[in-house]
N, C-alpha and C. Protein backbone atom coordinates (compact mmCIF):
# COMPACT_ATOMS: atom_id res chain seq x y z
N MET A 1 -8.15 -19.50 -7.49
CA MET A 1 -6.98 -18.83 -6.92
C MET A 1 -6.29 -19.80 -5.95
N SER A 2 -5.00 -19.84 -6.02
CA SER A 2 -4.27 -20.76 -5.17
C SER A 2 -4.21 -20.23 -3.73
N VAL A 3 -3.80 -21.09 -2.84
CA VAL A 3 -3.70 -20.72 -1.43
C VAL A 3 -2.61 -19.68 -1.24
N ILE A 4 -1.50 -19.82 -1.96
CA ILE A 4 -0.40 -18.86 -1.83
C ILE A 4 -0.84 -17.49 -2.36
N GLY A 5 -1.56 -17.49 -3.48
CA GLY A 5 -2.07 -16.22 -4.01
C GLY A 5 -3.04 -15.56 -3.06
N LEU A 6 -3.89 -16.35 -2.43
CA LEU A 6 -4.84 -15.82 -1.45
C LEU A 6 -4.11 -15.25 -0.24
N PHE A 7 -3.05 -15.95 0.19
CA PHE A 7 -2.24 -15.46 1.30
C PHE A 7 -1.63 -14.11 0.99
N TRP A 8 -1.04 -13.96 -0.21
CA TRP A 8 -0.42 -12.68 -0.56
C TRP A 8 -1.46 -11.59 -0.73
N PHE A 9 -2.65 -11.94 -1.22
CA PHE A 9 -3.73 -10.96 -1.35
C PHE A 9 -4.16 -10.44 0.02
N VAL A 10 -4.33 -11.36 0.97
CA VAL A 10 -4.73 -10.96 2.32
C VAL A 10 -3.63 -10.14 2.98
N LEU A 11 -2.37 -10.54 2.79
CA LEU A 11 -1.25 -9.79 3.36
C LEU A 11 -1.18 -8.38 2.78
N GLY A 12 -1.38 -8.25 1.47
CA GLY A 12 -1.38 -6.93 0.85
C GLY A 12 -2.53 -6.07 1.32
N ALA A 13 -3.71 -6.67 1.47
CA ALA A 13 -4.87 -5.91 1.97
C ALA A 13 -4.63 -5.43 3.40
N LEU A 14 -4.07 -6.30 4.25
CA LEU A 14 -3.76 -5.89 5.62
C LEU A 14 -2.73 -4.77 5.64
N PHE A 15 -1.72 -4.87 4.76
CA PHE A 15 -0.71 -3.81 4.69
C PHE A 15 -1.35 -2.48 4.32
N ILE A 16 -2.26 -2.49 3.33
CA ILE A 16 -2.90 -1.25 2.91
C ILE A 16 -3.79 -0.70 4.01
N ILE A 17 -4.54 -1.57 4.69
CA ILE A 17 -5.44 -1.10 5.75
C ILE A 17 -4.64 -0.52 6.92
N VAL A 18 -3.64 -1.26 7.40
CA VAL A 18 -2.86 -0.78 8.54
C VAL A 18 -2.03 0.44 8.15
N GLY A 19 -1.43 0.40 6.96
CA GLY A 19 -0.62 1.55 6.53
C GLY A 19 -1.45 2.80 6.34
N SER A 20 -2.66 2.66 5.81
CA SER A 20 -3.50 3.84 5.63
C SER A 20 -3.96 4.39 6.98
N ARG A 21 -4.24 3.52 7.92
CA ARG A 21 -4.66 3.98 9.25
C ARG A 21 -3.52 4.73 9.95
N VAL A 22 -2.31 4.18 9.88
CA VAL A 22 -1.16 4.83 10.51
C VAL A 22 -0.86 6.16 9.82
N THR A 23 -0.92 6.18 8.49
CA THR A 23 -0.66 7.42 7.76
C THR A 23 -1.70 8.47 8.08
N TYR A 24 -2.97 8.07 8.19
CA TYR A 24 -4.03 9.03 8.50
C TYR A 24 -3.87 9.59 9.91
N MET A 25 -3.49 8.74 10.87
CA MET A 25 -3.27 9.22 12.24
C MET A 25 -2.11 10.22 12.27
N TRP A 26 -1.03 9.92 11.52
CA TRP A 26 0.11 10.84 11.48
C TRP A 26 -0.29 12.17 10.84
N LEU A 27 -1.07 12.10 9.74
CA LEU A 27 -1.51 13.33 9.09
C LEU A 27 -2.41 14.16 10.01
N ARG A 28 -3.30 13.50 10.73
CA ARG A 28 -4.19 14.23 11.64
C ARG A 28 -3.39 14.94 12.73
N LYS A 29 -2.33 14.29 13.21
CA LYS A 29 -1.56 14.86 14.30
C LYS A 29 -0.68 16.02 13.82
N ASN A 30 -0.08 15.87 12.64
CA ASN A 30 0.96 16.82 12.22
C ASN A 30 0.52 17.83 11.17
N MET A 31 -0.36 17.44 10.25
CA MET A 31 -0.60 18.27 9.08
C MET A 31 -1.98 18.92 9.04
N MET A 32 -2.87 18.57 9.96
CA MET A 32 -4.23 19.09 9.87
C MET A 32 -4.63 19.79 11.16
N PRO A 33 -4.15 21.00 11.38
CA PRO A 33 -4.53 21.68 12.62
C PRO A 33 -6.01 22.09 12.65
N ASN A 34 -6.52 22.62 11.54
CA ASN A 34 -7.95 22.93 11.49
C ASN A 34 -8.67 21.73 10.90
N ASP A 35 -9.72 21.32 11.58
CA ASP A 35 -10.35 20.03 11.26
C ASP A 35 -11.48 20.23 10.27
N SER A 36 -11.16 20.71 9.07
CA SER A 36 -12.21 20.95 8.08
C SER A 36 -12.46 19.69 7.25
N LEU A 37 -13.55 19.72 6.51
CA LEU A 37 -13.92 18.57 5.68
C LEU A 37 -12.90 18.33 4.58
N GLU A 38 -12.38 19.41 3.99
CA GLU A 38 -11.38 19.27 2.93
C GLU A 38 -10.13 18.58 3.46
N ASP A 39 -9.71 18.97 4.67
CA ASP A 39 -8.53 18.33 5.25
C ASP A 39 -8.77 16.85 5.48
N ARG A 40 -9.96 16.51 5.96
CA ARG A 40 -10.25 15.11 6.22
C ARG A 40 -10.27 14.29 4.93
N LEU A 41 -10.90 14.82 3.89
CA LEU A 41 -10.98 14.07 2.62
C LEU A 41 -9.60 13.92 1.98
N MET A 42 -8.82 15.00 2.00
CA MET A 42 -7.48 14.92 1.44
C MET A 42 -6.61 13.97 2.26
N GLY A 43 -6.78 14.00 3.57
CA GLY A 43 -6.03 13.08 4.43
C GLY A 43 -6.39 11.63 4.15
N MET A 44 -7.68 11.36 3.94
CA MET A 44 -8.09 9.99 3.63
C MET A 44 -7.51 9.53 2.30
N PHE A 45 -7.54 10.42 1.31
CA PHE A 45 -6.99 10.07 -0.01
C PHE A 45 -5.50 9.78 0.09
N ILE A 46 -4.76 10.67 0.76
CA ILE A 46 -3.31 10.47 0.90
C ILE A 46 -3.04 9.20 1.70
N ALA A 47 -3.83 8.98 2.76
CA ALA A 47 -3.59 7.82 3.62
C ALA A 47 -3.83 6.51 2.88
N ILE A 48 -4.77 6.47 1.97
CA ILE A 48 -5.01 5.24 1.21
C ILE A 48 -4.02 5.12 0.05
N ALA A 49 -3.64 6.24 -0.55
CA ALA A 49 -2.76 6.21 -1.72
C ALA A 49 -1.34 5.82 -1.36
N CYS A 50 -0.82 6.30 -0.22
CA CYS A 50 0.58 6.06 0.11
C CYS A 50 0.92 4.56 0.23
N PRO A 51 0.24 3.78 1.09
CA PRO A 51 0.61 2.36 1.15
C PRO A 51 0.26 1.59 -0.12
N THR A 52 -0.76 2.03 -0.85
CA THR A 52 -1.11 1.33 -2.09
C THR A 52 0.00 1.50 -3.12
N VAL A 53 0.49 2.72 -3.29
CA VAL A 53 1.60 2.96 -4.23
C VAL A 53 2.85 2.24 -3.75
N GLY A 54 3.10 2.26 -2.45
CA GLY A 54 4.25 1.54 -1.91
C GLY A 54 4.19 0.05 -2.20
N LEU A 55 2.99 -0.52 -2.05
CA LEU A 55 2.81 -1.95 -2.33
C LEU A 55 3.00 -2.25 -3.81
N LEU A 56 2.52 -1.36 -4.69
CA LEU A 56 2.70 -1.57 -6.13
C LEU A 56 4.17 -1.49 -6.52
N ILE A 57 4.91 -0.55 -5.93
CA ILE A 57 6.34 -0.43 -6.22
C ILE A 57 7.08 -1.67 -5.72
N ALA A 58 6.72 -2.13 -4.51
CA ALA A 58 7.37 -3.34 -3.99
C ALA A 58 7.08 -4.55 -4.86
N PHE A 59 5.85 -4.65 -5.37
CA PHE A 59 5.50 -5.77 -6.25
C PHE A 59 6.28 -5.69 -7.56
N ALA A 60 6.44 -4.48 -8.10
CA ALA A 60 7.19 -4.32 -9.35
C ALA A 60 8.66 -4.69 -9.14
N ILE A 61 9.25 -4.29 -8.02
CA ILE A 61 10.64 -4.65 -7.73
C ILE A 61 10.76 -6.17 -7.57
N TYR A 62 9.78 -6.78 -6.90
CA TYR A 62 9.78 -8.24 -6.74
C TYR A 62 9.71 -8.94 -8.09
N GLN A 63 8.86 -8.44 -9.00
CA GLN A 63 8.73 -9.07 -10.32
C GLN A 63 10.03 -8.94 -11.11
N ILE A 64 10.67 -7.78 -11.06
CA ILE A 64 11.94 -7.59 -11.77
C ILE A 64 13.01 -8.50 -11.19
N PHE A 65 13.03 -8.61 -9.86
CA PHE A 65 13.99 -9.50 -9.21
C PHE A 65 13.76 -10.95 -9.63
N MET A 66 12.50 -11.38 -9.67
CA MET A 66 12.21 -12.76 -10.06
C MET A 66 12.58 -13.01 -11.52
N MET A 67 12.40 -12.00 -12.39
CA MET A 67 12.78 -12.18 -13.80
C MET A 67 14.30 -12.29 -13.94
N MET A 68 15.04 -11.58 -13.11
CA MET A 68 16.50 -11.66 -13.20
C MET A 68 17.03 -12.96 -12.61
N VAL A 69 16.42 -13.43 -11.51
CA VAL A 69 16.93 -14.63 -10.84
C VAL A 69 16.45 -15.90 -11.53
N PHE A 70 15.15 -15.93 -11.88
CA PHE A 70 14.57 -17.13 -12.51
C PHE A 70 13.98 -16.77 -13.87
N PRO A 71 14.82 -16.57 -14.90
CA PRO A 71 14.26 -16.18 -16.19
C PRO A 71 13.47 -17.29 -16.88
N SER A 72 13.75 -18.53 -16.52
CA SER A 72 13.04 -19.63 -17.19
C SER A 72 11.60 -19.77 -16.70
N SER A 73 11.30 -19.30 -15.49
CA SER A 73 9.95 -19.46 -14.95
C SER A 73 8.99 -18.42 -15.52
N MET A 74 9.51 -17.33 -16.09
CA MET A 74 8.65 -16.29 -16.67
C MET A 74 8.45 -16.58 -18.15
N GLN A 75 7.23 -16.91 -18.54
CA GLN A 75 6.98 -17.21 -19.95
C GLN A 75 5.76 -16.47 -20.42
């Protein structure tokens, strides 16, 4: 794996970790008044899924942009 690929991997992992933590804190404050186990598990799932899906969408937009700008580099 190249250094640039490793850099983007670490940046994406940090984004998912920080984004899931922030999302979980927001969910705990606003959406989970009763602190049951189901609420906690659903909150953890939503908190991990939201930044992961956001990162995948951003990567897809980046790939489409790169194909439009540099069509010769995609083979």
